[in-house]
Every structure is written in C-alpha cells, then in structure tokens.
C-alpha cells in the first residue's frame, strides 16, 4: 500500500480511489498553474469495465496500467473532462459526468481556503477530492510549501459538492488523516 495511505485502514475499493487521487495529484501538481484559481476535473472509470466496453483503449494505456488493472478489479483509470467554470462550486454544479463512470475527481489551487492567518494575501492552497458512485471518498490538501495531507474527508464541503454532482446521496464519512 502507498506510504501516504498506509495508516488509513482502507478497503480495496478505497485503496483504489486513494491511488487514483494520489496519481492525479502528482500529475496535476507538476503542471500546476500559477493562477490563483486553477481547476481540473476527471471522470474515474473502473479500468476492467472500461476495457471490456472499449477494448481498443488498451492500445492507449501504458503496459504498467494494464498490468495493474489485470491484478486489481478495483483499479481506476481517469479521463480528463475539462472545465467550463472558474469557480469550483459552479464547475461541480454544472458538471456533466460521462455515462458509465465510476466516480469523479476535482482539484483546485485556490487562495486561502484553509488559511486561518490574518494576512492580507492568503497563501495558495491545493485541494483535491475523489468520490466513487458507491460512496467512497478520498481527499488531499496542502498549503503552498507544506506536505500533502490525505484522508477520506479532509475537505467536507468540497467532498459533499463532488458527491452531489455525481448523484451520491450519502458519501462515506471516514475521518482518518495522515500527514505525509
């Protein structure tokens, strides 16, 4: 299990979601925009189901992903959906998720969402959340220059908004946090 999630006691499904979220965090933070607000949204698909429905996609996925998916029925593949709105709440309120997706992921670089300092210029904060249609959630947050914190529900309002956009009525309510 990933060292960032080892102490969270995750189910196999939660572990797959955590792995997908952390992979997207790594990928998107490398390309993080310097803009105060930057949003990315991805649909999550169970890799096995996606390849059964669209076998031609196996030519596009790296061999490592195919090998992981062969050994893990919960493995997830992310597909960028693009964003239409500059505000996270608006983006999720208007999100159209692809048919057959197993869940979704949203990430944003915003100003001061968790910054409690009284400075006039809040530090940028990276927030990310993933949710599966079966109710599992996983999130990550980091102030600029700090280590990423991960857990099931670190950003309750973002997680709830993501779940609502996916049509999930009752997301998981775990509260384990790991500072990594």
Protein backbone atom coordinates (compact mmCIF):
# COMPACT_ATOMS: atom_id res chain seq x y z
CA UNK A 1 0.00 0.00 0.00
CA UNK A 2 1.17 3.55 -0.67
CA UNK A 3 3.12 5.08 2.23
CA UNK A 4 0.79 8.09 2.17
CA UNK A 5 -2.24 5.89 2.87
CA UNK A 6 -0.75 3.00 4.88
CA UNK A 7 -2.18 4.13 8.24
CA UNK A 8 -5.71 4.80 6.98
CA UNK A 9 -7.04 1.20 7.05
CA UNK A 10 -8.65 1.47 3.60
CA UNK A 11 -10.82 -1.16 1.94
CA UNK A 12 -9.71 -2.40 -1.51
CA UNK A 13 -12.15 0.00 -3.18
CA UNK A 14 -11.00 2.92 -1.04
CA UNK A 15 -7.39 1.97 -1.76
CA UNK A 16 -8.06 2.09 -5.50
CA UNK A 17 -9.68 5.50 -5.14
CA UNK A 18 -6.81 6.76 -2.98
CA UNK A 19 -4.29 5.52 -5.57
CA UNK A 20 -6.19 7.28 -8.37
CA UNK A 21 -6.44 10.53 -6.37
CA UNK A 22 -2.75 10.48 -5.45
CA UNK A 23 -1.71 9.75 -9.04
CA UNK A 24 -3.82 12.66 -10.27
CA UNK A 25 -2.43 14.91 -7.53
CA UNK A 26 1.12 14.07 -8.60
CA UNK A 27 0.29 14.59 -12.25
CA UNK A 28 -1.62 17.85 -11.88
CA UNK A 29 0.66 19.43 -9.27
CA UNK A 30 3.60 19.03 -11.66
CA UNK A 31 1.65 21.16 -14.12
CA UNK A 32 0.09 23.46 -11.51
CA UNK A 33 -0.95 26.78 -12.91
CA UNK A 34 0.40 29.93 -11.25
CA UNK A 35 -3.11 31.42 -11.46
CA UNK A 36 -4.84 31.97 -8.09
CA UNK A 37 -7.60 29.55 -9.07
CA UNK A 38 -6.96 26.56 -11.27
CA UNK A 39 -9.46 23.72 -11.60
CA UNK A 40 -9.13 20.26 -13.16
CA UNK A 41 -11.90 17.66 -13.31
CA UNK A 42 -11.59 13.98 -14.20
CA UNK A 43 -14.09 11.14 -14.56
CA UNK A 44 -13.00 7.87 -12.95
CA UNK A 45 -13.71 4.53 -14.61
CA UNK A 46 -13.08 1.02 -13.37
CA UNK A 47 -10.29 0.05 -15.77
CA UNK A 48 -11.55 -3.51 -16.28
CA UNK A 49 -15.09 -2.35 -17.17
CA UNK A 50 -13.74 0.42 -19.40
CA UNK A 51 -11.57 -2.03 -21.35
CA UNK A 52 -14.41 -4.55 -21.64
CA UNK A 53 -16.61 -1.86 -23.15
CA UNK A 54 -13.88 -0.26 -25.27
CA UNK A 55 -11.10 -2.83 -25.88
CA UNK A 56 -9.37 -0.52 -28.36
CA UNK A 57 -8.36 1.68 -25.42
CA UNK A 58 -5.87 -0.97 -24.32
CA UNK A 59 -3.56 0.31 -27.10
CA UNK A 60 -3.58 3.77 -25.50
CA UNK A 61 -2.90 2.77 -21.89
CA UNK A 62 0.64 2.14 -20.65
CA UNK A 63 1.54 -1.52 -20.09
CA UNK A 64 2.05 -0.78 -16.38
CA UNK A 65 -1.59 0.37 -16.13
CA UNK A 66 -2.80 -2.74 -17.95
CA UNK A 67 -0.75 -4.96 -15.63
CA UNK A 68 -2.14 -3.20 -12.54
CA UNK A 69 -5.69 -3.49 -13.86
CA UNK A 70 -5.24 -7.23 -14.54
CA UNK A 71 -4.35 -7.81 -10.89
CA UNK A 72 -6.84 -5.40 -9.33
CA UNK A 73 -10.56 -5.41 -10.24
CA UNK A 74 -10.91 -2.04 -8.44
CA UNK A 75 -8.19 -0.27 -10.44
CA UNK A 76 -9.35 3.09 -11.77
CA UNK A 77 -8.50 4.97 -14.94
CA UNK A 78 -9.01 8.72 -15.07
CA UNK A 79 -10.26 10.64 -18.09
CA UNK A 80 -9.95 14.41 -18.10
CA UNK A 81 -13.32 16.03 -18.68
CA UNK A 82 -12.21 19.63 -19.00
CA UNK A 83 -13.59 22.53 -17.04
CA UNK A 84 -16.07 25.19 -18.02
CA UNK A 85 -16.17 27.39 -14.92
CA UNK A 86 -13.62 29.38 -12.90
CA UNK A 87 -15.29 28.54 -9.58
CA UNK A 88 -15.17 25.03 -8.08
CA UNK A 89 -18.78 25.13 -6.85
CA UNK A 90 -20.03 26.30 -10.28
CA UNK A 91 -17.93 23.67 -12.03
CA UNK A 92 -19.44 20.87 -9.96
CA UNK A 93 -22.97 22.28 -10.02
CA UNK A 94 -22.85 22.20 -13.83
CA UNK A 95 -20.73 19.06 -14.27
CA UNK A 96 -21.80 16.51 -16.83
CA UNK A 97 -20.19 13.18 -16.00
CA UNK A 98 -19.70 10.59 -18.78
CA UNK A 99 -22.07 7.66 -18.86
CA UNK A 100 -20.67 4.63 -17.10
CA UNK A 101 -18.13 6.47 -14.97
CA UNK A 102 -17.49 5.01 -11.53
CA UNK A 103 -16.79 8.35 -9.91
CA UNK A 104 -15.13 11.70 -10.23
CA UNK A 105 -12.18 13.81 -9.16
CA UNK A 106 -11.79 17.55 -8.81
CA UNK A 107 -8.76 19.56 -7.87
CA UNK A 108 -8.19 23.25 -7.47
CA UNK A 109 -5.48 25.63 -6.48
CA UNK A 110 -7.26 28.33 -4.57
CA UNK A 111 -6.40 31.19 -2.26
CA UNK A 112 -6.76 30.72 1.49
CA UNK A 113 -9.45 28.05 1.70
CA UNK A 114 -7.84 26.62 4.84
CA UNK A 115 -5.54 29.51 5.69
CA UNK A 116 -6.52 30.99 9.02
CA UNK A 117 -3.78 33.61 9.15
CA UNK A 118 -4.95 37.23 9.11
CA UNK A 119 -2.52 38.23 6.33
CA UNK A 120 -3.88 40.35 3.51
CA UNK A 121 -2.73 37.86 0.87
CA UNK A 122 -3.77 34.28 1.77
CA UNK A 123 -1.35 31.58 0.67
CA UNK A 124 -2.38 29.31 -2.20
CA UNK A 125 -3.91 26.02 -1.11
CA UNK A 126 -4.07 22.87 -3.21
CA UNK A 127 -7.26 20.86 -2.65
CA UNK A 128 -8.32 17.62 -4.32
CA UNK A 129 -11.21 15.22 -3.82
CA UNK A 130 -12.31 11.98 -5.39
CA UNK A 131 -15.56 10.09 -4.93
CA UNK A 132 -16.97 6.85 -6.24
CA UNK A 133 -20.64 6.34 -7.01
CA UNK A 134 -20.62 3.63 -4.34
CA UNK A 135 -19.97 6.32 -1.69
CA UNK A 136 -16.22 6.06 -1.03
CA UNK A 137 -14.36 9.38 -0.85
CA UNK A 138 -10.75 10.45 -0.58
CA UNK A 139 -9.19 13.90 -0.44
CA UNK A 140 -5.88 15.71 -0.26
CA UNK A 141 -4.91 19.21 0.82
CA UNK A 142 -1.69 21.20 1.12
CA UNK A 143 -0.84 24.80 1.77
CA UNK A 144 1.87 26.08 -0.52
CA UNK A 145 5.23 24.83 0.70
CA UNK A 146 3.74 22.20 3.06
CA UNK A 147 3.44 18.44 2.77
CA UNK A 148 0.28 16.93 1.38
CA UNK A 149 -2.29 15.70 3.93
CA UNK A 150 -4.59 12.90 2.80
CA UNK A 151 -7.72 11.27 4.19
CA UNK A 152 -11.26 10.22 3.48
CA UNK A 153 -12.95 13.55 4.11
CA UNK A 154 -10.45 16.36 4.73
CA UNK A 155 -12.48 18.94 2.82
CA UNK A 156 -16.09 18.13 3.74
CA UNK A 157 -17.77 20.86 1.67
CA UNK A 158 -15.78 20.01 -1.47
CA UNK A 159 -16.39 16.28 -0.97
CA UNK A 160 -20.13 16.85 -0.43
CA UNK A 161 -20.37 19.06 -3.53
CA UNK A 162 -18.49 16.49 -5.63
CA UNK A 163 -20.75 13.70 -4.33
CA UNK A 164 -23.88 15.73 -5.09
CA UNK A 165 -22.67 16.37 -8.65
CA UNK A 166 -22.23 12.60 -9.08
CA UNK A 167 -25.70 11.92 -7.65
CA UNK A 168 -24.37 10.33 -4.45
CA UNK A 169 -26.73 10.85 -1.53
CA UNK A 170 -24.62 9.55 1.35
CA UNK A 171 -20.86 9.61 0.89
CA UNK A 172 -18.57 7.71 3.28
CA UNK A 173 -17.83 9.59 6.47
CA UNK A 174 -14.38 8.39 7.49
CA UNK A 175 -12.17 10.93 9.23
CA UNK A 176 -8.70 9.34 9.32
CA UNK A 177 -5.96 11.81 8.46
CA UNK A 178 -2.32 11.16 7.62
CA UNK A 179 0.31 13.85 7.36
CA UNK A 180 2.71 12.80 4.66
